Amino acid sequence: MTDPTTRRTRSGRTLTDEDIEALATEVAEKDYDVDVLKTRRRGRPPMGSGPADVVPVRIDPELLAAIESRAEADHATTSEIIREAIRRFLDVA
């Protein structure tokens, strides 16, 4: 059985302690702009003025099929099609 502390590369090469130390030193010696790293956002990009809410909605099979068909034709997601339909119905931007 393989030692659980054994590290391998994607190609399967076993990394020695010296390899790991060299990689750690290489990373530690790079000049990173900490301010840039701190401003990086993670997760999904915002869609509006604030975080979006998930709203569960029941949709009948025929309507869902129409939404999926439109999404495929428009190269969009079903969520994008639903949001656009709601915006048009409510006449909001």
PDB file of N, CA and C in Angstrom:
ATOM      1  N   MET A   1       0.849  -1.189   0.000  1.00  0.00           N
ATOM      2  CA  MET A   1       0.000   0.000   0.000  1.00  0.00           C
ATOM      3  C   MET A   1       0.889   1.245   0.000  1.00  0.00           C
ATOM      4  N   THR A   2       0.396   2.324  -0.613  1.00  0.00           N
ATOM      5  CA  THR A   2       1.146   3.562  -0.710  1.00  0.00           C
ATOM      6  C   THR A   2       1.105   4.323   0.607  1.00  0.00           C
ATOM      7  N   ASP A   3       2.245   4.891   0.956  1.00  0.00           N
ATOM      8  CA  ASP A   3       2.334   5.722   2.162  1.00  0.00           C
ATOM      9  C   ASP A   3       1.422   6.934   1.972  1.00  0.00           C
ATOM     10  N   PRO A   4       0.519   7.262   2.925  1.00  0.00           N
ATOM     11  CA  PRO A   4      -0.418   8.375   2.740  1.00  0.00           C
ATOM     12  C   PRO A   4       0.267   9.735   2.622  1.00  0.00           C
ATOM     13  N   THR A   5       1.525   9.839   3.033  1.00  0.00           N
ATOM     14  CA  THR A   5       2.229  11.118   2.915  1.00  0.00           C
ATOM     15  C   THR A   5       2.975  11.232   1.597  1.00  0.00           C
ATOM     16  N   THR A   6       2.931  10.205   0.750  1.00  0.00           N
ATOM     17  CA  THR A   6       3.590  10.255  -0.549  1.00  0.00           C
ATOM     18  C   THR A   6       2.837  11.209  -1.455  1.00  0.00           C
ATOM     19  N   ARG A   7       3.559  12.092  -2.099  1.00  0.00           N
ATOM     20  CA  ARG A   7       2.967  13.062  -3.018  1.00  0.00           C
ATOM     21  C   ARG A   7       3.429  12.729  -4.417  1.00  0.00           C
ATOM     22  N   ARG A   8       2.491  12.846  -5.359  1.00  0.00           N
ATOM     23  CA  ARG A   8       2.814  12.558  -6.750  1.00  0.00           C
ATOM     24  C   ARG A   8       2.353  13.715  -7.636  1.00  0.00           C
ATOM     25  N   THR A   9       3.035  13.877  -8.764  1.00  0.00           N
ATOM     26  CA  THR A   9       2.617  14.853  -9.756  1.00  0.00           C
ATOM     27  C   THR A   9       1.491  14.241 -10.578  1.00  0.00           C
ATOM     28  N   ARG A  10       0.883  15.037 -11.428  1.00  0.00           N
ATOM     29  CA  ARG A  10      -0.178  14.506 -12.286  1.00  0.00           C
ATOM     30  C   ARG A  10       0.341  13.413 -13.205  1.00  0.00           C
ATOM     31  N   SER A  11       1.597  13.501 -13.569  1.00  0.00           N
ATOM     32  CA  SER A  11       2.164  12.479 -14.447  1.00  0.00           C
ATOM     33  C   SER A  11       2.522  11.209 -13.683  1.00  0.00           C
ATOM     34  N   GLY A  12       2.424  11.245 -12.350  1.00  0.00           N
ATOM     35  CA  GLY A  12       2.681  10.056 -11.547  1.00  0.00           C
ATOM     36  C   GLY A  12       4.052  10.020 -10.890  1.00  0.00           C
ATOM     37  N   ARG A  13       4.893  11.026 -11.163  1.00  0.00           N
ATOM     38  CA  ARG A  13       6.228  11.055 -10.563  1.00  0.00           C
ATOM     39  C   ARG A  13       6.111  11.331  -9.072  1.00  0.00           C
ATOM     40  N   THR A  14       6.827  10.572  -8.271  1.00  0.00           N
ATOM     41  CA  THR A  14       6.830  10.754  -6.824  1.00  0.00           C
ATOM     42  C   THR A  14       7.705  11.942  -6.465  1.00  0.00           C
ATOM     43  N   LEU A  15       7.153  12.832  -5.634  1.00  0.00           N
ATOM     44  CA  LEU A  15       7.908  13.996  -5.187  1.00  0.00           C
ATOM     45  C   LEU A  15       8.670  13.653  -3.911  1.00  0.00           C
ATOM     46  N   THR A  16       9.920  14.020  -3.898  1.00  0.00           N
ATOM     47  CA  THR A  16      10.739  13.805  -2.702  1.00  0.00           C
ATOM     48  C   THR A  16      10.575  15.007  -1.777  1.00  0.00           C
ATOM     49  N   ASP A  17      11.077  14.879  -0.554  1.00  0.00           N
ATOM     50  CA  ASP A  17      11.057  16.010   0.373  1.00  0.00           C
ATOM     51  C   ASP A  17      11.826  17.189  -0.212  1.00  0.00           C
ATOM     52  N   GLU A  18      12.915  16.904  -0.925  1.00  0.00           N
ATOM     53  CA  GLU A  18      13.710  17.964  -1.543  1.00  0.00           C
ATOM     54  C   GLU A  18      12.907  18.678  -2.638  1.00  0.00           C
ATOM     55  N   ASP A  19      12.129  17.916  -3.431  1.00  0.00           N
ATOM     56  CA  ASP A  19      11.289  18.519  -4.466  1.00  0.00           C
ATOM     57  C   ASP A  19      10.273  19.471  -3.839  1.00  0.00           C
ATOM     58  N   ILE A  20       9.634  19.019  -2.772  1.00  0.00           N
ATOM     59  CA  ILE A  20       8.617  19.829  -2.107  1.00  0.00           C
ATOM     60  C   ILE A  20       9.236  21.074  -1.493  1.00  0.00           C
ATOM     61  N   GLU A  21      10.401  20.939  -0.907  1.00  0.00           N
ATOM     62  CA  GLU A  21      11.101  22.094  -0.330  1.00  0.00           C
ATOM     63  C   GLU A  21      11.470  23.096  -1.421  1.00  0.00           C
ATOM     64  N   ALA A  22      11.939  22.602  -2.559  1.00  0.00           N
ATOM     65  CA  ALA A  22      12.305  23.489  -3.675  1.00  0.00           C
ATOM     66  C   ALA A  22      11.078  24.234  -4.197  1.00  0.00           C
ATOM     67  N   LEU A  23       9.946  23.545  -4.304  1.00  0.00           N
ATOM     68  CA  LEU A  23       8.715  24.202  -4.755  1.00  0.00           C
ATOM     69  C   LEU A  23       8.261  25.263  -3.757  1.00  0.00           C
ATOM     70  N   ALA A  24       8.337  24.958  -2.476  1.00  0.00           N
ATOM     71  CA  ALA A  24       7.934  25.911  -1.441  1.00  0.00           C
ATOM     72  C   ALA A  24       8.826  27.148  -1.478  1.00  0.00           C
ATOM     73  N   THR A  25      10.119  26.938  -1.660  1.00  0.00           N
ATOM     74  CA  THR A  25      11.058  28.061  -1.722  1.00  0.00           C
ATOM     75  C   THR A  25      10.775  28.921  -2.949  1.00  0.00           C
ATOM     76  N   GLU A  26      10.516  28.270  -4.086  1.00  0.00           N
ATOM     77  CA  GLU A  26      10.228  28.995  -5.321  1.00  0.00           C
ATOM     78  C   GLU A  26       8.994  29.871  -5.165  1.00  0.00           C
ATOM     79  N   VAL A  27       7.953  29.338  -4.573  1.00  0.00           N
ATOM     80  CA  VAL A  27       6.717  30.091  -4.374  1.00  0.00           C
ATOM     81  C   VAL A  27       6.940  31.219  -3.378  1.00  0.00           C
ATOM     82  N   ALA A  28       7.666  30.952  -2.298  1.00  0.00           N
ATOM     83  CA  ALA A  28       7.891  31.956  -1.258  1.00  0.00           C
ATOM     84  C   ALA A  28       8.728  33.120  -1.772  1.00  0.00           C
ATOM     85  N   GLU A  29       9.586  32.877  -2.745  1.00  0.00           N
ATOM     86  CA  GLU A  29      10.473  33.929  -3.243  1.00  0.00           C
ATOM     87  C   GLU A  29       9.839  34.794  -4.324  1.00  0.00           C
ATOM     88  N   LYS A  30       8.672  34.414  -4.832  1.00  0.00           N
ATOM     89  CA  LYS A  30       8.018  35.218  -5.860  1.00  0.00           C
ATOM     90  C   LYS A  30       7.487  36.493  -5.239  1.00  0.00           C
ATOM     91  N   ASP A  31       7.475  37.546  -6.038  1.00  0.00           N
ATOM     92  CA  ASP A  31       6.932  38.822  -5.580  1.00  0.00           C
ATOM     93  C   ASP A  31       5.443  38.869  -5.882  1.00  0.00           C
ATOM     94  N   TYR A  32       4.634  38.786  -4.845  1.00  0.00           N
ATOM     95  CA  TYR A  32       3.185  38.853  -4.992  1.00  0.00           C
ATOM     96  C   TYR A  32       2.718  40.212  -4.503  1.00  0.00           C
ATOM     97  N   ASP A  33       1.789  40.806  -5.250  1.00  0.00           N
ATOM     98  CA  ASP A  33       1.179  42.058  -4.831  1.00  0.00           C
ATOM     99  C   ASP A  33       0.011  41.709  -3.913  1.00  0.00           C
ATOM    100  N   VAL A  34       0.226  41.860  -2.615  1.00  0.00           N
ATOM    101  CA  VAL A  34      -0.764  41.449  -1.622  1.00  0.00           C
ATOM    102  C   VAL A  34      -2.078  42.196  -1.808  1.00  0.00           C
ATOM    103  N   ASP A  35      -2.017  43.488  -2.154  1.00  0.00           N
ATOM    104  CA  ASP A  35      -3.244  44.266  -2.340  1.00  0.00           C
ATOM    105  C   ASP A  35      -4.082  43.704  -3.488  1.00  0.00           C
ATOM    106  N   VAL A  36      -3.426  43.279  -4.557  1.00  0.00           N
ATOM    107  CA  VAL A  36      -4.150  42.692  -5.686  1.00  0.00           C
ATOM    108  C   VAL A  36      -4.777  41.368  -5.271  1.00  0.00           C
ATOM    109  N   LEU A  37      -4.041  40.558  -4.531  1.00  0.00           N
ATOM    110  CA  LEU A  37      -4.571  39.280  -4.081  1.00  0.00           C
ATOM    111  C   LEU A  37      -5.779  39.463  -3.168  1.00  0.00           C
ATOM    112  N   LYS A  38      -5.746  40.487  -2.324  1.00  0.00           N
ATOM    113  CA  LYS A  38      -6.851  40.728  -1.394  1.00  0.00           C
ATOM    114  C   LYS A  38      -8.111  41.208  -2.115  1.00  0.00           C
ATOM    115  N   THR A  39      -7.958  41.906  -3.245  1.00  0.00           N
ATOM    116  CA  THR A  39      -9.117  42.441  -3.953  1.00  0.00           C
ATOM    117  C   THR A  39      -9.750  41.437  -4.891  1.00  0.00           C
ATOM    118  N   ARG A  40      -9.120  40.291  -5.086  1.00  0.00           N
ATOM    119  CA  ARG A  40      -9.703  39.272  -5.955  1.00  0.00           C
ATOM    120  C   ARG A  40     -10.982  38.746  -5.343  1.00  0.00           C
ATOM    121  N   ARG A  41     -12.029  38.766  -6.140  1.00  0.00           N
ATOM    122  CA  ARG A  41     -13.309  38.255  -5.662  1.00  0.00           C
ATOM    123  C   ARG A  41     -13.429  36.792  -6.030  1.00  0.00           C
ATOM    124  N   ARG A  42     -14.080  36.060  -5.176  1.00  0.00           N
ATOM    125  CA  ARG A  42     -14.337  34.659  -5.449  1.00  0.00           C
ATOM    126  C   ARG A  42     -15.834  34.452  -5.605  1.00  0.00           C
ATOM    127  N   GLY A  43     -16.186  33.370  -6.223  1.00  0.00           N
ATOM    128  CA  GLY A  43     -17.588  33.044  -6.384  1.00  0.00           C
ATOM    129  C   GLY A  43     -18.174  33.638  -7.641  1.00  0.00           C
ATOM    130  N   ARG A  44     -19.466  33.628  -7.693  1.00  0.00           N
ATOM    131  CA  ARG A  44     -20.152  34.115  -8.878  1.00  0.00           C
ATOM    132  C   ARG A  44     -20.127  35.639  -8.919  1.00  0.00           C
ATOM    133  N   PRO A  45     -20.063  36.194 -10.120  1.00  0.00           N
ATOM    134  CA  PRO A  45     -20.093  37.653 -10.224  1.00  0.00           C
ATOM    135  C   PRO A  45     -21.479  38.182  -9.859  1.00  0.00           C
ATOM    136  N   PRO A  46     -21.548  39.394  -9.306  1.00  0.00           N
ATOM    137  CA  PRO A  46     -22.846  39.955  -8.940  1.00  0.00           C
ATOM    138  C   PRO A  46     -23.691  40.212 -10.186  1.00  0.00           C
ATOM    139  N   MET A  47     -25.017  40.074 -10.045  1.00  0.00           N
ATOM    140  CA  MET A  47     -25.912  40.286 -11.180  1.00  0.00           C
ATOM    141  C   MET A  47     -26.626  41.627 -11.106  1.00  0.00           C
ATOM    142  N   GLY A  48     -26.619  42.253  -9.986  1.00  0.00           N
ATOM    143  CA  GLY A  48     -27.345  43.507  -9.841  1.00  0.00           C
ATOM    144  C   GLY A  48     -26.700  44.354  -8.766  1.00  0.00           C
ATOM    145  N   SER A  49     -27.536  45.040  -8.006  1.00  0.00           N
ATOM    146  CA  SER A  49     -27.026  45.961  -6.997  1.00  0.00           C
ATOM    147  C   SER A  49     -26.567  45.260  -5.722  1.00  0.00           C
ATOM    148  N   GLY A  50     -26.871  43.993  -5.581  1.00  0.00           N
ATOM    149  CA  GLY A  50     -26.483  43.263  -4.383  1.00  0.00           C
ATOM    150  C   GLY A  50     -26.492  41.770  -4.640  1.00  0.00           C
ATOM    151  N   PRO A  51     -26.273  41.002  -3.593  1.00  0.00           N
ATOM    152  CA  PRO A  51     -26.285  39.542  -3.763  1.00  0.00           C
ATOM    153  C   PRO A  51     -27.660  39.064  -4.230  1.00  0.00           C
ATOM    154  N   ALA A  52     -27.660  38.070  -5.094  1.00  0.00           N
ATOM    155  CA  ALA A  52     -28.918  37.542  -5.624  1.00  0.00           C
ATOM    156  C   ALA A  52     -29.492  36.494  -4.675  1.00  0.00           C
ATOM    157  N   ASP A  53     -30.806  36.388  -4.676  1.00  0.00           N
ATOM    158  CA  ASP A  53     -31.498  35.364  -3.899  1.00  0.00           C
ATOM    159  C   ASP A  53     -31.931  34.239  -4.829  1.00  0.00           C
ATOM    160  N   VAL A  54     -31.945  33.046  -4.307  1.00  0.00           N
ATOM    161  CA  VAL A  54     -32.481  31.905  -5.036  1.00  0.00           C
ATOM    162  C   VAL A  54     -33.950  31.796  -4.668  1.00  0.00           C
ATOM    163  N   VAL A  55     -34.810  31.729  -5.684  1.00  0.00           N
ATOM    164  CA  VAL A  55     -36.246  31.664  -5.457  1.00  0.00           C
ATOM    165  C   VAL A  55     -36.766  30.375  -6.090  1.00  0.00           C
ATOM    166  N   PRO A  56     -37.147  29.407  -5.264  1.00  0.00           N
ATOM    167  CA  PRO A  56     -37.671  28.164  -5.835  1.00  0.00           C
ATOM    168  C   PRO A  56     -39.050  28.387  -6.462  1.00  0.00           C
ATOM    169  N   VAL A  57     -39.226  27.871  -7.663  1.00  0.00           N
ATOM    170  CA  VAL A  57     -40.479  28.031  -8.390  1.00  0.00           C
ATOM    171  C   VAL A  57     -40.829  26.697  -9.041  1.00  0.00           C
ATOM    172  N   ARG A  58     -42.083  26.299  -8.952  1.00  0.00           N
ATOM    173  CA  ARG A  58     -42.530  25.090  -9.647  1.00  0.00           C
ATOM    174  C   ARG A  58     -42.926  25.475 -11.070  1.00  0.00           C
ATOM    175  N   ILE A  59     -42.407  24.707 -12.035  1.00  0.00           N
ATOM    176  CA  ILE A  59     -42.696  24.972 -13.444  1.00  0.00           C
ATOM    177  C   ILE A  59     -43.191  23.675 -14.073  1.00  0.00           C
ATOM    178  N   ASP A  60     -44.313  23.755 -14.790  1.00  0.00           N
ATOM    179  CA  ASP A  60     -44.856  22.546 -15.411  1.00  0.00           C
ATOM    180  C   ASP A  60     -43.933  22.072 -16.543  1.00  0.00           C
ATOM    181  N   PRO A  61     -44.013  20.797 -16.882  1.00  0.00           N
ATOM    182  CA  PRO A  61     -43.086  20.217 -17.862  1.00  0.00           C
ATOM    183  C   PRO A  61     -43.099  20.910 -19.225  1.00  0.00           C
ATOM    184  N   GLU A  62     -44.271  21.352 -19.668  1.00  0.00           N
ATOM    185  CA  GLU A  62     -44.354  22.004 -20.985  1.00  0.00           C
ATOM    186  C   GLU A  62     -43.652  23.357 -20.971  1.00  0.00           C
ATOM    187  N   LEU A  63     -43.838  24.098 -19.903  1.00  0.00           N
ATOM    188  CA  LEU A  63     -43.180  25.398 -19.792  1.00  0.00           C
ATOM    189  C   LEU A  63     -41.673  25.219 -19.675  1.00  0.00           C
ATOM    190  N   LEU A  64     -41.242  24.243 -18.888  1.00  0.00           N
ATOM    191  CA  LEU A  64     -39.814  23.976 -18.748  1.00  0.00           C
ATOM    192  C   LEU A  64     -39.197  23.581 -20.092  1.00  0.00           C
ATOM    193  N   ALA A  65     -39.911  22.770 -20.856  1.00  0.00           N
ATOM    194  CA  ALA A  65     -39.412  22.381 -22.181  1.00  0.00           C
ATOM    195  C   ALA A  65     -39.264  23.606 -23.079  1.00  0.00           C
ATOM    196  N   ALA A  66     -40.229  24.529 -23.001  1.00  0.00           N
ATOM    197  CA  ALA A  66     -40.149  25.749 -23.806  1.00  0.00           C
ATOM    198  C   ALA A  66     -38.972  26.615 -23.364  1.00  0.00           C
ATOM    199  N   ILE A  67     -38.760  26.719 -22.065  1.00  0.00           N
ATOM    200  CA  ILE A  67     -37.632  27.499 -21.539  1.00  0.00           C
ATOM    201  C   ILE A  67     -36.315  26.894 -21.999  1.00  0.00           C
ATOM    202  N   GLU A  68     -36.191  25.574 -21.868  1.00  0.00           N
ATOM    203  CA  GLU A  68     -34.947  24.902 -22.270  1.00  0.00           C
ATOM    204  C   GLU A  68     -34.709  25.027 -23.759  1.00  0.00           C
ATOM    205  N   SER A  69     -35.770  24.951 -24.548  1.00  0.00           N
ATOM    206  CA  SER A  69     -35.651  25.106 -25.995  1.00  0.00           C
ATOM    207  C   SER A  69     -35.154  26.506 -26.355  1.00  0.00           C
ATOM    208  N   ARG A  70     -35.739  27.500 -25.699  1.00  0.00           N
ATOM    209  CA  ARG A  70     -35.323  28.886 -25.951  1.00  0.00           C
ATOM    210  C   ARG A  70     -33.884  29.112 -25.510  1.00  0.00           C
ATOM    211  N   ALA A  71     -33.514  28.547 -24.362  1.00  0.00           N
ATOM    212  CA  ALA A  71     -32.150  28.698 -23.858  1.00  0.00           C
ATOM    213  C   ALA A  71     -31.151  28.089 -24.838  1.00  0.00           C
ATOM    214  N   GLU A  72     -31.482  26.928 -25.381  1.00  0.00           N
ATOM    215  CA  GLU A  72     -30.578  26.293 -26.342  1.00  0.00           C
ATOM    216  C   GLU A  72     -30.470  27.141 -27.608  1.00  0.00           C
ATOM    217  N   ALA A  73     -31.594  27.649 -28.085  1.00  0.00           N
ATOM    218  CA  ALA A  73     -31.588  28.471 -29.302  1.00  0.00           C
ATOM    219  C   ALA A  73     -30.804  29.762 -29.106  1.00  0.00           C
ATOM    220  N   ASP A  74     -30.895  30.336 -27.910  1.00  0.00           N
ATOM    221  CA  ASP A  74     -30.215  31.608 -27.620  1.00  0.00           C
ATOM    222  C   ASP A  74     -28.817  31.416 -27.047  1.00  0.00           C
ATOM    223  N   HIS A  75     -28.370  30.166 -26.908  1.00  0.00           N
ATOM    224  CA  HIS A  75     -27.069  29.867 -26.289  1.00  0.00           C
ATOM    225  C   HIS A  75     -26.976  30.536 -24.916  1.00  0.00           C
ATOM    226  N   ALA A  76     -28.026  30.338 -24.134  1.00  0.00           N
ATOM    227  CA  ALA A  76     -28.120  30.934 -22.800  1.00  0.00           C
ATOM    228  C   ALA A  76     -28.480  29.834 -21.808  1.00  0.00           C
ATOM    229  N   THR A  77     -28.447  30.184 -20.541  1.00  0.00           N
ATOM    230  CA  THR A  77     -28.872  29.242 -19.510  1.00  0.00           C
ATOM    231  C   THR A  77     -30.365  29.402 -19.279  1.00  0.00           C
ATOM    232  N   THR A  78     -30.965  28.396 -18.673  1.00  0.00           N
ATOM    233  CA  THR A  78     -32.382  28.514 -18.346  1.00  0.00           C
ATOM    234  C   THR A  78     -32.613  29.665 -17.366  1.00  0.00           C
ATOM    235  N   SER A  79     -31.683  29.874 -16.452  1.00  0.00           N
ATOM    236  CA  SER A  79     -31.811  30.983 -15.492  1.00  0.00           C
ATOM    237  C   SER A  79     -31.824  32.330 -16.211  1.00  0.00           C
ATOM    238  N   GLU A  80     -30.963  32.481 -17.210  1.00  0.00           N
ATOM    239  CA  GLU A  80     -30.934  33.748 -17.958  1.00  0.00           C
ATOM    240  C   GLU A  80     -32.259  33.984 -18.682  1.00  0.00           C
ATOM    241  N   ILE A  81     -32.830  32.927 -19.260  1.00  0.00           N
ATOM    242  CA  ILE A  81     -34.106  33.057 -19.968  1.00  0.00           C
ATOM    243  C   ILE A  81     -35.217  33.431 -18.991  1.00  0.00           C
ATOM    244  N   ILE A  82     -35.254  32.779 -17.841  1.00  0.00           N
ATOM    245  CA  ILE A  82     -36.286  33.071 -16.840  1.00  0.00           C
ATOM    246  C   ILE A  82     -36.151  34.496 -16.325  1.00  0.00           C
ATOM    247  N   ARG A  83     -34.920  34.931 -16.009  1.00  0.00           N
ATOM    248  CA  ARG A  83     -34.730  36.311 -15.522  1.00  0.00           C
ATOM    249  C   ARG A  83     -35.163  37.327 -16.565  1.00  0.00           C
ATOM    250  N   GLU A  84     -34.807  37.087 -17.839  1.00  0.00           N
ATOM    251  CA  GLU A  84     -35.184  38.017 -18.904  1.00  0.00           C
ATOM    252  C   GLU A  84     -36.702  38.072 -19.065  1.00  0.00           C
ATOM    253  N   ALA A  85     -37.361  36.929 -18.985  1.00  0.00           N
ATOM    254  CA  ALA A  85     -38.823  36.898 -19.113  1.00  0.00           C
ATOM    255  C   ALA A  85     -39.477  37.687 -17.976  1.00  0.00           C
ATOM    256  N   ILE A  86     -38.971  37.526 -16.772  1.00  0.00           N
ATOM    257  CA  ILE A  86     -39.525  38.255 -15.627  1.00  0.00           C
ATOM    258  C   ILE A  86     -39.281  39.750 -15.776  1.00  0.00           C
ATOM    259  N   ARG A  87     -38.088  40.131 -16.215  1.00  0.00           N
ATOM    260  CA  ARG A  87     -37.798  41.559 -16.424  1.00  0.00           C
ATOM    261  C   ARG A  87     -38.755  42.171 -17.439  1.00  0.00           C
ATOM    262  N   ARG A  88     -38.978  41.457 -18.548  1.00  0.00           N
ATOM    263  CA  ARG A  88     -39.882  41.982 -19.591  1.00  0.00           C
ATOM    264  C   ARG A  88     -41.314  42.058 -19.069  1.00  0.00           C
ATOM    265  N   PHE A  89     -41.761  41.058 -18.336  1.00  0.00           N
ATOM    266  CA  PHE A  89     -43.116  41.049 -17.800  1.00  0.00           C
ATOM    267  C   PHE A  89     -43.319  42.201 -16.828  1.00  0.00           C
ATOM    268  N   LEU A  90     -42.343  42.435 -15.986  1.00  0.00           N
ATOM    269  CA  LEU A  90     -42.450  43.494 -14.974  1.00  0.00           C
ATOM    270  C   LEU A  90     -41.982  44.844 -15.496  1.00  0.00           C
ATOM    271  N   ASP A  91     -41.434  44.883 -16.691  1.00  0.00           N
ATOM    272  CA  ASP A  91     -40.929  46.112 -17.316  1.00  0.00           C
ATOM    273  C   ASP A  91     -39.884  46.799 -16.438  1.00  0.00           C
ATOM    274  N   VAL A  92     -38.892  46.000 -16.009  1.00  0.00           N
ATOM    275  CA  VAL A  92     -37.767  46.528 -15.234  1.00  0.00           C
ATOM    276  C   VAL A  92     -36.468  46.212 -15.941  1.00  0.00           C
ATOM    277  N   ALA A  93     -35.443  47.003 -15.643  1.00  0.00           N
ATOM    278  CA  ALA A  93     -34.156  46.833 -16.309  1.00  0.00           C
ATOM    279  C   ALA A  93     -33.425  45.612 -15.875  1.00  0.00           C
TER     280      ALA A  93
END
